Amino acid sequence: MRLSHLLAFILPFAVSASFQEQIIIPPMPQTNDASPFGTSSQPTLADLLTIESSASIYYSYARDTEWSSRFASESVWFTMLVPTNKAVMALARKPHQGPESVEPHIGVSEQELDESSKRNVERWVSAHIIPSRISLFDTPVSYETLQDGKLVTFNPVPDAKPDAPEWMRVTLEDGVRIIGMKEAQNGVLYLIDGTVVPN
């Protein structure tokens, strides 16, 4: 009983003191920098490839290459030409198979086949990566890829709408179209409806 009388006496003073000593903290300004990918306002190429379900086959190949660690690096810039799953599935020979060989694989060890498969994947993936920024404003224009000696040429689309984005006004590799574009903090990802043929 005494405790309830004591609380009834002290409580109004405690509440009054707490209101008088309140510090008003201004609300945090709203920014668009919030990102589910960390502190940066933009995802990395690795983030984009991870969430782009229509390009999962390309990314599964790309993860097995020496360049995959750089897809998350902020110190490099890649322009990636990423085939859709549909484009990869349409290939007569899959990337790990490489070009058709005139010599049969008789007497070739499993280790040799594995090494050949890895080389084929490296060639194919690297042919889809341009290690620089590109401009599609003035076409035709060619850029070197990560594959030695492989150039990708972008040509103008004759019937393109003049107000369309630059990437919608070009084709590459014998009519392959760019069907989407996403920017990352370390590059640009262009989704393509075909594939780049390695040398």
N, C-alpha and C. Protein backbone atom coordinates (compact mmCIF):
# COMPACT_ATOMS: atom_id res chain seq x y z
N MET A 1 0.84 -1.20 0.00
CA MET A 1 0.00 0.00 0.00
C MET A 1 0.87 1.24 0.00
N ARG A 2 1.95 1.23 0.84
CA ARG A 2 2.84 2.38 0.88
C ARG A 2 3.49 2.63 -0.47
N LEU A 3 3.83 1.54 -1.17
CA LEU A 3 4.49 1.66 -2.47
C LEU A 3 3.58 2.38 -3.46
N SER A 4 2.31 2.05 -3.47
CA SER A 4 1.39 2.70 -4.41
C SER A 4 1.23 4.18 -4.07
N HIS A 5 1.22 4.55 -2.77
CA HIS A 5 1.15 5.97 -2.39
C HIS A 5 2.42 6.69 -2.81
N LEU A 6 3.55 6.02 -2.64
CA LEU A 6 4.83 6.62 -3.00
C LEU A 6 4.90 6.86 -4.51
N LEU A 7 4.48 5.88 -5.29
CA LEU A 7 4.48 6.04 -6.75
C LEU A 7 3.53 7.13 -7.19
N ALA A 8 2.38 7.22 -6.57
CA ALA A 8 1.42 8.25 -6.91
C ALA A 8 1.98 9.64 -6.64
N PHE A 9 2.86 9.77 -5.64
CA PHE A 9 3.46 11.05 -5.30
C PHE A 9 4.64 11.38 -6.22
N ILE A 10 5.49 10.37 -6.56
CA ILE A 10 6.73 10.62 -7.31
C ILE A 10 6.48 10.64 -8.82
N LEU A 11 5.58 9.86 -9.31
CA LEU A 11 5.37 9.72 -10.74
C LEU A 11 5.10 11.04 -11.47
N PRO A 12 4.24 11.92 -10.98
CA PRO A 12 4.02 13.18 -11.72
C PRO A 12 5.29 14.01 -11.86
N PHE A 13 6.15 14.02 -10.81
CA PHE A 13 7.40 14.79 -10.90
C PHE A 13 8.36 14.17 -11.91
N ALA A 14 8.42 12.84 -11.95
CA ALA A 14 9.31 12.16 -12.88
C ALA A 14 8.89 12.41 -14.32
N VAL A 15 7.60 12.34 -14.57
CA VAL A 15 7.09 12.60 -15.93
C VAL A 15 7.35 14.03 -16.32
N SER A 16 7.10 14.98 -15.41
CA SER A 16 7.33 16.40 -15.68
C SER A 16 8.79 16.65 -16.00
N ALA A 17 9.68 16.07 -15.21
CA ALA A 17 11.13 16.26 -15.44
C ALA A 17 11.54 15.67 -16.78
N SER A 18 10.98 14.52 -17.12
CA SER A 18 11.40 13.90 -18.38
C SER A 18 10.94 14.72 -19.58
N PHE A 19 9.77 15.37 -19.50
CA PHE A 19 9.32 16.24 -20.60
C PHE A 19 10.18 17.48 -20.72
N GLN A 20 10.60 18.05 -19.58
CA GLN A 20 11.39 19.27 -19.59
C GLN A 20 12.80 19.03 -20.09
N GLU A 21 13.34 17.82 -19.90
CA GLU A 21 14.71 17.55 -20.29
C GLU A 21 14.81 16.82 -21.63
N GLN A 22 13.71 16.74 -22.34
CA GLN A 22 13.73 16.05 -23.62
C GLN A 22 14.62 16.76 -24.62
N ILE A 23 15.36 15.98 -25.37
CA ILE A 23 16.15 16.52 -26.47
C ILE A 23 15.46 16.10 -27.75
N ILE A 24 15.16 17.05 -28.58
CA ILE A 24 14.48 16.75 -29.83
C ILE A 24 15.54 16.46 -30.89
N ILE A 25 15.49 15.25 -31.46
CA ILE A 25 16.42 14.85 -32.50
C ILE A 25 15.71 15.01 -33.84
N PRO A 26 16.26 15.82 -34.72
CA PRO A 26 15.58 16.00 -36.02
C PRO A 26 15.59 14.70 -36.81
N PRO A 27 14.57 14.49 -37.63
CA PRO A 27 14.53 13.25 -38.42
C PRO A 27 15.68 13.22 -39.43
N MET A 28 16.12 12.01 -39.75
CA MET A 28 17.19 11.84 -40.74
C MET A 28 16.66 12.25 -42.11
N PRO A 29 17.46 12.97 -42.89
CA PRO A 29 16.98 13.33 -44.23
C PRO A 29 16.79 12.08 -45.09
N GLN A 30 15.76 12.10 -45.90
CA GLN A 30 15.49 10.98 -46.80
C GLN A 30 16.44 11.05 -47.98
N THR A 31 17.12 9.95 -48.27
CA THR A 31 18.00 9.90 -49.44
C THR A 31 17.65 8.68 -50.26
N ASN A 32 18.12 8.67 -51.47
CA ASN A 32 17.92 7.52 -52.34
C ASN A 32 19.13 6.61 -52.35
N ASP A 33 20.02 6.79 -51.35
CA ASP A 33 21.25 6.01 -51.32
C ASP A 33 21.07 4.65 -50.67
N ALA A 34 19.89 4.40 -50.12
CA ALA A 34 19.70 3.11 -49.47
C ALA A 34 19.80 2.01 -50.50
N SER A 35 20.54 1.00 -50.19
CA SER A 35 20.73 -0.09 -51.14
C SER A 35 20.78 -1.42 -50.42
N PRO A 36 20.09 -2.42 -50.97
CA PRO A 36 20.18 -3.74 -50.34
C PRO A 36 21.53 -4.39 -50.57
N PHE A 37 22.41 -3.76 -51.38
CA PHE A 37 23.69 -4.35 -51.73
C PHE A 37 24.84 -3.77 -50.93
N GLY A 38 24.59 -3.03 -49.87
CA GLY A 38 25.68 -2.48 -49.07
C GLY A 38 25.56 -0.99 -48.95
N THR A 39 26.71 -0.33 -48.80
CA THR A 39 26.69 1.10 -48.53
C THR A 39 26.59 1.93 -49.80
N SER A 40 26.92 1.38 -50.94
CA SER A 40 26.88 2.14 -52.19
C SER A 40 25.45 2.25 -52.68
N SER A 41 25.20 3.28 -53.49
CA SER A 41 23.85 3.48 -54.01
C SER A 41 23.56 2.56 -55.19
N GLN A 42 24.59 1.93 -55.74
CA GLN A 42 24.38 1.04 -56.88
C GLN A 42 24.95 -0.34 -56.59
N PRO A 43 24.33 -1.38 -57.16
CA PRO A 43 24.87 -2.73 -57.00
C PRO A 43 26.11 -2.91 -57.87
N THR A 44 26.85 -3.96 -57.62
CA THR A 44 27.98 -4.32 -58.48
C THR A 44 27.47 -5.21 -59.61
N LEU A 45 28.34 -5.49 -60.57
CA LEU A 45 27.96 -6.41 -61.64
C LEU A 45 27.63 -7.79 -61.06
N ALA A 46 28.37 -8.21 -60.04
CA ALA A 46 28.08 -9.50 -59.40
C ALA A 46 26.67 -9.52 -58.83
N ASP A 47 26.26 -8.40 -58.21
CA ASP A 47 24.90 -8.31 -57.66
C ASP A 47 23.86 -8.42 -58.78
N LEU A 48 24.08 -7.69 -59.87
CA LEU A 48 23.13 -7.71 -60.98
C LEU A 48 23.03 -9.10 -61.59
N LEU A 49 24.18 -9.75 -61.77
CA LEU A 49 24.18 -11.10 -62.34
C LEU A 49 23.49 -12.10 -61.41
N THR A 50 23.63 -11.89 -60.12
CA THR A 50 23.01 -12.79 -59.14
C THR A 50 21.49 -12.71 -59.20
N ILE A 51 20.96 -11.51 -59.36
CA ILE A 51 19.50 -11.35 -59.33
C ILE A 51 18.84 -11.41 -60.70
N GLU A 52 19.64 -11.42 -61.77
CA GLU A 52 19.08 -11.46 -63.13
C GLU A 52 18.82 -12.92 -63.51
N SER A 53 17.61 -13.39 -63.22
CA SER A 53 17.29 -14.81 -63.44
C SER A 53 17.33 -15.19 -64.91
N SER A 54 17.08 -14.25 -65.82
CA SER A 54 17.08 -14.58 -67.25
C SER A 54 18.49 -14.78 -67.80
N ALA A 55 19.52 -14.52 -66.97
CA ALA A 55 20.91 -14.70 -67.41
C ALA A 55 21.66 -15.67 -66.50
N SER A 56 20.95 -16.54 -65.83
CA SER A 56 21.59 -17.42 -64.85
C SER A 56 22.55 -18.42 -65.49
N ILE A 57 22.30 -18.85 -66.71
CA ILE A 57 23.21 -19.81 -67.35
C ILE A 57 24.55 -19.14 -67.63
N TYR A 58 24.51 -17.93 -68.19
CA TYR A 58 25.77 -17.22 -68.44
C TYR A 58 26.55 -17.04 -67.13
N TYR A 59 25.85 -16.64 -66.08
CA TYR A 59 26.55 -16.40 -64.81
C TYR A 59 27.11 -17.69 -64.23
N SER A 60 26.43 -18.80 -64.45
CA SER A 60 26.97 -20.07 -63.94
C SER A 60 28.28 -20.41 -64.65
N TYR A 61 28.39 -20.09 -65.92
CA TYR A 61 29.66 -20.27 -66.63
C TYR A 61 30.68 -19.24 -66.16
N ALA A 62 30.26 -17.98 -66.05
CA ALA A 62 31.19 -16.90 -65.70
C ALA A 62 31.80 -17.07 -64.31
N ARG A 63 31.05 -17.66 -63.39
CA ARG A 63 31.57 -17.87 -62.03
C ARG A 63 32.78 -18.79 -62.00
N ASP A 64 32.93 -19.61 -63.03
CA ASP A 64 34.05 -20.56 -63.08
C ASP A 64 35.28 -19.98 -63.75
N THR A 65 35.29 -18.69 -64.04
CA THR A 65 36.43 -18.08 -64.72
C THR A 65 37.25 -17.21 -63.76
N GLU A 66 38.43 -16.83 -64.22
CA GLU A 66 39.31 -15.98 -63.41
C GLU A 66 38.74 -14.58 -63.21
N TRP A 67 37.82 -14.16 -64.05
CA TRP A 67 37.29 -12.79 -63.96
C TRP A 67 36.16 -12.65 -62.94
N SER A 68 35.59 -13.75 -62.49
CA SER A 68 34.41 -13.66 -61.62
C SER A 68 34.66 -12.87 -60.35
N SER A 69 35.87 -12.93 -59.81
CA SER A 69 36.15 -12.17 -58.59
C SER A 69 36.12 -10.66 -58.85
N ARG A 70 36.33 -10.27 -60.08
CA ARG A 70 36.33 -8.84 -60.41
C ARG A 70 34.93 -8.28 -60.62
N PHE A 71 33.92 -9.14 -60.76
CA PHE A 71 32.56 -8.66 -60.97
C PHE A 71 32.05 -7.89 -59.75
N ALA A 72 32.64 -8.13 -58.59
CA ALA A 72 32.22 -7.43 -57.37
C ALA A 72 33.20 -6.32 -57.00
N SER A 73 34.26 -6.16 -57.76
CA SER A 73 35.30 -5.17 -57.44
C SER A 73 34.91 -3.78 -57.92
N GLU A 74 35.18 -2.79 -57.08
CA GLU A 74 34.90 -1.41 -57.47
C GLU A 74 36.07 -0.79 -58.22
N SER A 75 37.17 -1.53 -58.35
CA SER A 75 38.37 -0.96 -58.99
C SER A 75 38.46 -1.30 -60.47
N VAL A 76 37.47 -2.01 -61.02
CA VAL A 76 37.48 -2.33 -62.45
C VAL A 76 36.20 -1.83 -63.09
N TRP A 77 36.22 -1.73 -64.39
CA TRP A 77 35.01 -1.36 -65.14
C TRP A 77 34.86 -2.34 -66.29
N PHE A 78 33.75 -3.04 -66.32
CA PHE A 78 33.46 -3.97 -67.41
C PHE A 78 32.16 -3.57 -68.09
N THR A 79 32.13 -3.72 -69.40
CA THR A 79 30.89 -3.68 -70.15
C THR A 79 30.60 -5.13 -70.50
N MET A 80 29.51 -5.66 -69.97
CA MET A 80 29.21 -7.07 -70.15
C MET A 80 28.04 -7.26 -71.12
N LEU A 81 28.25 -8.13 -72.09
CA LEU A 81 27.21 -8.50 -73.06
C LEU A 81 26.72 -9.87 -72.63
N VAL A 82 25.60 -9.90 -71.94
CA VAL A 82 25.16 -11.12 -71.25
C VAL A 82 24.00 -11.78 -72.01
N PRO A 83 24.26 -12.96 -72.58
CA PRO A 83 23.19 -13.67 -73.28
C PRO A 83 22.11 -14.15 -72.33
N THR A 84 20.89 -14.12 -72.80
CA THR A 84 19.79 -14.67 -72.00
C THR A 84 19.90 -16.19 -71.97
N ASN A 85 19.21 -16.80 -71.04
CA ASN A 85 19.18 -18.26 -70.96
C ASN A 85 18.68 -18.87 -72.27
N LYS A 86 17.68 -18.23 -72.86
CA LYS A 86 17.11 -18.72 -74.11
C LYS A 86 18.17 -18.73 -75.22
N ALA A 87 19.00 -17.68 -75.27
CA ALA A 87 20.05 -17.60 -76.29
C ALA A 87 21.10 -18.68 -76.10
N VAL A 88 21.46 -18.97 -74.85
CA VAL A 88 22.47 -20.01 -74.58
C VAL A 88 21.89 -21.38 -74.91
N MET A 89 20.64 -21.61 -74.55
CA MET A 89 20.02 -22.92 -74.81
C MET A 89 19.87 -23.17 -76.31
N ALA A 90 19.78 -22.10 -77.10
CA ALA A 90 19.62 -22.25 -78.55
C ALA A 90 20.92 -22.63 -79.25
N LEU A 91 22.06 -22.55 -78.56
CA LEU A 91 23.34 -22.89 -79.19
C LEU A 91 23.40 -24.38 -79.52
N ALA A 92 23.89 -24.69 -80.72
CA ALA A 92 24.03 -26.08 -81.12
C ALA A 92 25.08 -26.77 -80.26
N ARG A 93 26.16 -26.06 -79.95
CA ARG A 93 27.20 -26.58 -79.06
C ARG A 93 27.30 -25.63 -77.88
N LYS A 94 27.23 -26.17 -76.71
CA LYS A 94 27.26 -25.35 -75.49
C LYS A 94 28.66 -24.80 -75.25
N PRO A 95 28.76 -23.70 -74.48
CA PRO A 95 30.05 -23.03 -74.29
C PRO A 95 31.18 -23.93 -73.82
N HIS A 96 30.91 -24.88 -72.95
CA HIS A 96 31.98 -25.75 -72.45
C HIS A 96 32.46 -26.75 -73.50
N GLN A 97 31.64 -26.97 -74.55
CA GLN A 97 32.01 -27.91 -75.60
C GLN A 97 32.97 -27.29 -76.61
N GLY A 98 32.90 -25.99 -76.78
CA GLY A 98 33.75 -25.32 -77.75
C GLY A 98 33.34 -25.66 -79.17
N PRO A 99 34.16 -25.21 -80.15
CA PRO A 99 33.83 -25.51 -81.55
C PRO A 99 33.99 -27.00 -81.83
N GLU A 100 33.29 -27.46 -82.83
CA GLU A 100 33.35 -28.88 -83.17
C GLU A 100 34.75 -29.22 -83.68
N SER A 101 35.29 -30.29 -83.16
CA SER A 101 36.64 -30.71 -83.51
C SER A 101 36.58 -31.72 -84.64
N VAL A 102 37.56 -31.61 -85.58
CA VAL A 102 37.62 -32.57 -86.67
C VAL A 102 38.24 -33.88 -86.21
N GLU A 103 39.02 -33.81 -85.11
CA GLU A 103 39.65 -35.01 -84.58
C GLU A 103 38.79 -35.58 -83.45
N PRO A 104 38.54 -36.87 -83.48
CA PRO A 104 37.75 -37.48 -82.40
C PRO A 104 38.53 -37.47 -81.08
N HIS A 105 37.80 -37.53 -79.99
CA HIS A 105 38.41 -37.51 -78.65
C HIS A 105 38.82 -38.90 -78.17
N ILE A 106 39.27 -39.72 -79.08
CA ILE A 106 39.68 -41.07 -78.71
C ILE A 106 41.02 -41.01 -77.98
N GLY A 107 41.11 -41.67 -76.87
CA GLY A 107 42.35 -41.72 -76.12
C GLY A 107 42.65 -40.47 -75.30
N VAL A 108 41.68 -39.56 -75.20
CA VAL A 108 41.86 -38.33 -74.41
C VAL A 108 41.42 -38.62 -72.99
N SER A 109 42.26 -38.24 -72.03
CA SER A 109 41.94 -38.52 -70.63
C SER A 109 40.84 -37.58 -70.13
N GLU A 110 40.26 -37.97 -69.02
CA GLU A 110 39.20 -37.15 -68.40
C GLU A 110 39.76 -35.80 -67.97
N GLN A 111 40.99 -35.80 -67.49
CA GLN A 111 41.64 -34.54 -67.08
C GLN A 111 41.83 -33.61 -68.27
N GLU A 112 42.23 -34.16 -69.40
CA GLU A 112 42.41 -33.35 -70.61
C GLU A 112 41.09 -32.78 -71.10
N LEU A 113 40.04 -33.58 -71.03
CA LEU A 113 38.71 -33.10 -71.41
C LEU A 113 38.25 -31.98 -70.48
N ASP A 114 38.52 -32.13 -69.18
CA ASP A 114 38.16 -31.11 -68.20
C ASP A 114 38.91 -29.81 -68.47
N GLU A 115 40.21 -29.90 -68.75
CA GLU A 115 41.00 -28.70 -69.05
C GLU A 115 40.53 -28.04 -70.33
N SER A 116 40.19 -28.84 -71.33
CA SER A 116 39.67 -28.30 -72.59
C SER A 116 38.34 -27.59 -72.35
N SER A 117 37.49 -28.17 -71.53
CA SER A 117 36.20 -27.57 -71.20
C SER A 117 36.39 -26.22 -70.51
N LYS A 118 37.34 -26.15 -69.57
CA LYS A 118 37.62 -24.89 -68.86
C LYS A 118 38.12 -23.81 -69.82
N ARG A 119 39.00 -24.21 -70.76
CA ARG A 119 39.51 -23.25 -71.75
C ARG A 119 38.38 -22.74 -72.63
N ASN A 120 37.48 -23.64 -73.03
CA ASN A 120 36.34 -23.24 -73.87
C ASN A 120 35.44 -22.24 -73.14
N VAL A 121 35.19 -22.50 -71.86
CA VAL A 121 34.36 -21.59 -71.07
C VAL A 121 35.04 -20.23 -70.93
N GLU A 122 36.35 -20.22 -70.66
CA GLU A 122 37.11 -18.96 -70.54
C GLU A 122 36.99 -18.15 -71.84
N ARG A 123 37.18 -18.82 -72.97
CA ARG A 123 37.10 -18.13 -74.27
C ARG A 123 35.71 -17.54 -74.48
N TRP A 124 34.70 -18.33 -74.20
CA TRP A 124 33.32 -17.90 -74.45
C TRP A 124 32.93 -16.74 -73.54
N VAL A 125 33.20 -16.87 -72.26
CA VAL A 125 32.85 -15.81 -71.30
C VAL A 125 33.61 -14.53 -71.62
N SER A 126 34.92 -14.65 -71.89
CA SER A 126 35.75 -13.47 -72.14
C SER A 126 35.34 -12.73 -73.41
N ALA A 127 34.77 -13.45 -74.39
CA ALA A 127 34.31 -12.81 -75.62
C ALA A 127 33.09 -11.93 -75.38
N HIS A 128 32.46 -12.06 -74.22
CA HIS A 128 31.27 -11.28 -73.87
C HIS A 128 31.59 -10.11 -72.93
N ILE A 129 32.88 -9.88 -72.65
CA ILE A 129 33.25 -8.83 -71.69
C ILE A 129 34.20 -7.84 -72.36
N ILE A 130 33.81 -6.58 -72.36
CA ILE A 130 34.65 -5.49 -72.87
C ILE A 130 35.23 -4.80 -71.64
N PRO A 131 36.56 -4.74 -71.52
CA PRO A 131 37.17 -4.20 -70.30
C PRO A 131 37.28 -2.68 -70.27
N SER A 132 36.21 -2.00 -70.69
CA SER A 132 36.22 -0.53 -70.70
C SER A 132 34.79 -0.02 -70.85
N ARG A 133 34.65 1.28 -70.71
CA ARG A 133 33.37 1.93 -71.01
C ARG A 133 33.22 1.99 -72.53
N ILE A 134 31.99 1.94 -73.01
CA ILE A 134 31.78 2.04 -74.44
C ILE A 134 30.77 3.15 -74.73
N SER A 135 30.82 3.63 -75.96
CA SER A 135 29.82 4.60 -76.42
C SER A 135 29.16 4.04 -77.67
N LEU A 136 27.86 4.05 -77.68
CA LEU A 136 27.11 3.55 -78.82
C LEU A 136 26.46 4.69 -79.59
N PHE A 137 26.93 5.89 -79.35
CA PHE A 137 26.34 7.07 -79.98
C PHE A 137 26.67 7.12 -81.46
N ASP A 138 27.92 6.82 -81.83
CA ASP A 138 28.36 6.92 -83.21
C ASP A 138 28.74 5.53 -83.70
N THR A 139 27.86 4.89 -84.45
CA THR A 139 28.10 3.52 -84.92
C THR A 139 28.20 3.52 -86.44
N PRO A 140 28.86 2.55 -87.05
CA PRO A 140 29.43 1.36 -86.44
C PRO A 140 30.69 1.66 -85.64
N VAL A 141 30.87 0.86 -84.57
CA VAL A 141 32.05 1.00 -83.72
C VAL A 141 32.41 -0.38 -83.17
N SER A 142 33.71 -0.63 -83.04
CA SER A 142 34.18 -1.93 -82.53
C SER A 142 34.96 -1.75 -81.24
N TYR A 143 34.85 -2.74 -80.37
CA TYR A 143 35.58 -2.74 -79.10
C TYR A 143 36.24 -4.10 -78.88
N GLU A 144 37.43 -4.07 -78.29
CA GLU A 144 38.12 -5.30 -77.94
C GLU A 144 37.49 -5.92 -76.70
N THR A 145 37.42 -7.23 -76.71
CA THR A 145 36.92 -7.95 -75.55
C THR A 145 38.11 -8.49 -74.75
N LEU A 146 37.80 -9.19 -73.67
CA LEU A 146 38.86 -9.82 -72.88
C LEU A 146 39.50 -11.00 -73.60
N GLN A 147 38.81 -11.53 -74.61
CA GLN A 147 39.43 -12.61 -75.38
C GLN A 147 40.40 -12.00 -76.38
N ASP A 148 41.63 -12.47 -76.36
CA ASP A 148 42.68 -11.93 -77.24
C ASP A 148 42.23 -11.95 -78.70
N GLY A 149 42.31 -10.77 -79.32
CA GLY A 149 42.02 -10.66 -80.74
C GLY A 149 40.55 -10.63 -81.10
N LYS A 150 39.65 -10.70 -80.12
CA LYS A 150 38.22 -10.70 -80.42
C LYS A 150 37.65 -9.30 -80.29
N LEU A 151 37.09 -8.80 -81.40
CA LEU A 151 36.41 -7.51 -81.42
C LEU A 151 34.91 -7.74 -81.53
N VAL A 152 34.15 -6.88 -80.89
CA VAL A 152 32.70 -6.88 -81.05
C VAL A 152 32.33 -5.58 -81.75
N THR A 153 31.61 -5.69 -82.85
CA THR A 153 31.21 -4.52 -83.63
C THR A 153 29.73 -4.24 -83.42
N PHE A 154 29.44 -3.00 -83.13
CA PHE A 154 28.05 -2.54 -82.97
C PHE A 154 27.66 -1.78 -84.23
N ASN A 155 26.54 -2.17 -84.83
CA ASN A 155 26.06 -1.55 -86.06
C ASN A 155 24.71 -0.87 -85.82
N PRO A 156 24.43 0.22 -86.55
CA PRO A 156 23.15 0.91 -86.36
C PRO A 156 21.99 0.07 -86.89
N VAL A 157 20.85 0.20 -86.23
CA VAL A 157 19.62 -0.43 -86.69
C VAL A 157 18.91 0.58 -87.59
N PRO A 158 18.70 0.26 -88.87
CA PRO A 158 18.13 1.24 -89.79
C PRO A 158 16.76 1.78 -89.40
N ASP A 159 15.90 0.93 -88.84
CA ASP A 159 14.54 1.35 -88.53
C ASP A 159 14.35 1.74 -87.06
N ALA A 160 15.44 2.03 -86.38
CA ALA A 160 15.34 2.36 -84.95
C ALA A 160 14.67 3.72 -84.75
N LYS A 161 13.92 3.82 -83.68
CA LYS A 161 13.28 5.10 -83.34
C LYS A 161 14.35 6.07 -82.86
N PRO A 162 14.36 7.30 -83.36
CA PRO A 162 15.42 8.24 -82.99
C PRO A 162 15.41 8.63 -81.51
N ASP A 163 14.27 8.50 -80.83
CA ASP A 163 14.21 8.87 -79.42
C ASP A 163 14.47 7.67 -78.49
N ALA A 164 14.75 6.51 -79.07
CA ALA A 164 15.05 5.32 -78.26
C ALA A 164 16.44 5.45 -77.66
N PRO A 165 16.70 4.79 -76.53
CA PRO A 165 18.05 4.81 -75.95
C PRO A 165 19.08 4.29 -76.96
N GLU A 166 20.33 4.73 -76.81
CA GLU A 166 21.39 4.33 -77.75
C GLU A 166 21.47 2.82 -77.92
N TRP A 167 21.38 2.08 -76.80
CA TRP A 167 21.54 0.63 -76.86
C TRP A 167 20.43 -0.06 -77.63
N MET A 168 19.28 0.59 -77.80
CA MET A 168 18.18 0.01 -78.57
C MET A 168 18.33 0.31 -80.06
N ARG A 169 19.29 1.15 -80.39
CA ARG A 169 19.47 1.55 -81.79
C ARG A 169 20.65 0.83 -82.45
N VAL A 170 21.16 -0.25 -81.82
CA VAL A 170 22.29 -0.98 -82.38
C VAL A 170 22.05 -2.48 -82.32
N THR A 171 22.80 -3.20 -83.17
CA THR A 171 22.90 -4.66 -83.08
C THR A 171 24.39 -5.01 -83.05
N LEU A 172 24.68 -6.23 -82.68
CA LEU A 172 26.06 -6.69 -82.68
C LEU A 172 26.09 -8.10 -83.19
N GLU A 173 27.26 -8.56 -83.60
CA GLU A 173 27.44 -9.96 -84.01
C GLU A 173 26.32 -10.45 -84.92
N ASP A 174 26.24 -9.91 -86.10
CA ASP A 174 25.27 -10.38 -87.11
C ASP A 174 23.81 -10.31 -86.65
N GLY A 175 23.42 -9.19 -86.11
CA GLY A 175 22.01 -8.97 -85.81
C GLY A 175 21.57 -9.28 -84.39
N VAL A 176 22.48 -9.58 -83.49
CA VAL A 176 22.11 -9.81 -82.09
C VAL A 176 21.66 -8.48 -81.50
N ARG A 177 20.51 -8.48 -80.87
CA ARG A 177 19.96 -7.25 -80.30
C ARG A 177 20.20 -7.17 -78.81
N ILE A 178 20.35 -5.94 -78.34
CA ILE A 178 20.40 -5.67 -76.90
C ILE A 178 18.95 -5.49 -76.45
N ILE A 179 18.53 -6.28 -75.47
CA ILE A 179 17.13 -6.22 -75.05
C ILE A 179 16.95 -5.60 -73.67
N GLY A 180 18.04 -5.26 -73.01
CA GLY A 180 17.95 -4.63 -71.70
C GLY A 180 19.30 -4.09 -71.27
N MET A 181 19.26 -3.10 -70.39
CA MET A 181 20.50 -2.50 -69.90
C MET A 181 20.35 -2.19 -68.43
N LYS A 182 21.39 -2.53 -67.66
CA LYS A 182 21.40 -2.22 -66.23
C LYS A 182 22.77 -1.67 -65.88
N GLU A 183 22.78 -0.61 -65.08
CA GLU A 183 24.04 0.00 -64.68
C GLU A 183 24.44 -0.48 -63.29
N ALA A 184 25.74 -0.69 -63.13
CA ALA A 184 26.31 -1.07 -61.84
C ALA A 184 27.37 -0.05 -61.47
N GLN A 185 27.85 -0.12 -60.25
CA GLN A 185 28.90 0.82 -59.83
C GLN A 185 30.22 0.51 -60.51
N ASN A 186 30.38 -0.70 -61.05
CA ASN A 186 31.64 -1.07 -61.69
C ASN A 186 31.45 -1.53 -63.14
N GLY A 187 30.36 -1.09 -63.76
CA GLY A 187 30.17 -1.43 -65.17
C GLY A 187 28.74 -1.34 -65.63
N VAL A 188 28.53 -1.84 -66.83
CA VAL A 188 27.19 -1.86 -67.43
C VAL A 188 26.93 -3.28 -67.91
N LEU A 189 25.72 -3.73 -67.69
CA LEU A 189 25.31 -5.06 -68.12
C LEU A 189 24.27 -4.89 -69.22
N TYR A 190 24.58 -5.39 -70.42
CA TYR A 190 23.62 -5.39 -71.53
C TYR A 190 23.14 -6.82 -71.72
N LEU A 191 21.83 -7.03 -71.62
CA LEU A 191 21.25 -8.34 -71.91
C LEU A 191 21.08 -8.44 -73.42
N ILE A 192 21.54 -9.55 -74.00
CA ILE A 192 21.45 -9.71 -75.46
C ILE A 192 20.66 -10.96 -75.80
N ASP A 193 20.00 -10.92 -76.98
CA ASP A 193 19.15 -12.05 -77.37
C ASP A 193 19.88 -13.08 -78.22
N GLY A 194 21.18 -13.02 -78.22
CA GLY A 194 22.03 -13.99 -78.92
C GLY A 194 23.33 -14.13 -78.16
N THR A 195 24.36 -14.62 -78.82
CA THR A 195 25.64 -14.76 -78.16
C THR A 195 26.76 -14.20 -79.04
N VAL A 196 27.88 -13.89 -78.43
CA VAL A 196 29.08 -13.47 -79.14
C VAL A 196 29.88 -14.74 -79.44
N VAL A 197 30.30 -14.89 -80.69
CA VAL A 197 31.06 -16.07 -81.08
C VAL A 197 32.54 -15.82 -80.83
N PRO A 198 33.18 -16.60 -79.97
CA PRO A 198 34.60 -16.39 -79.71
C PRO A 198 35.46 -16.77 -80.91
N ASN A 199 36.69 -16.27 -80.94
CA ASN A 199 37.63 -16.64 -82.01
C ASN A 199 38.06 -18.08 -81.84
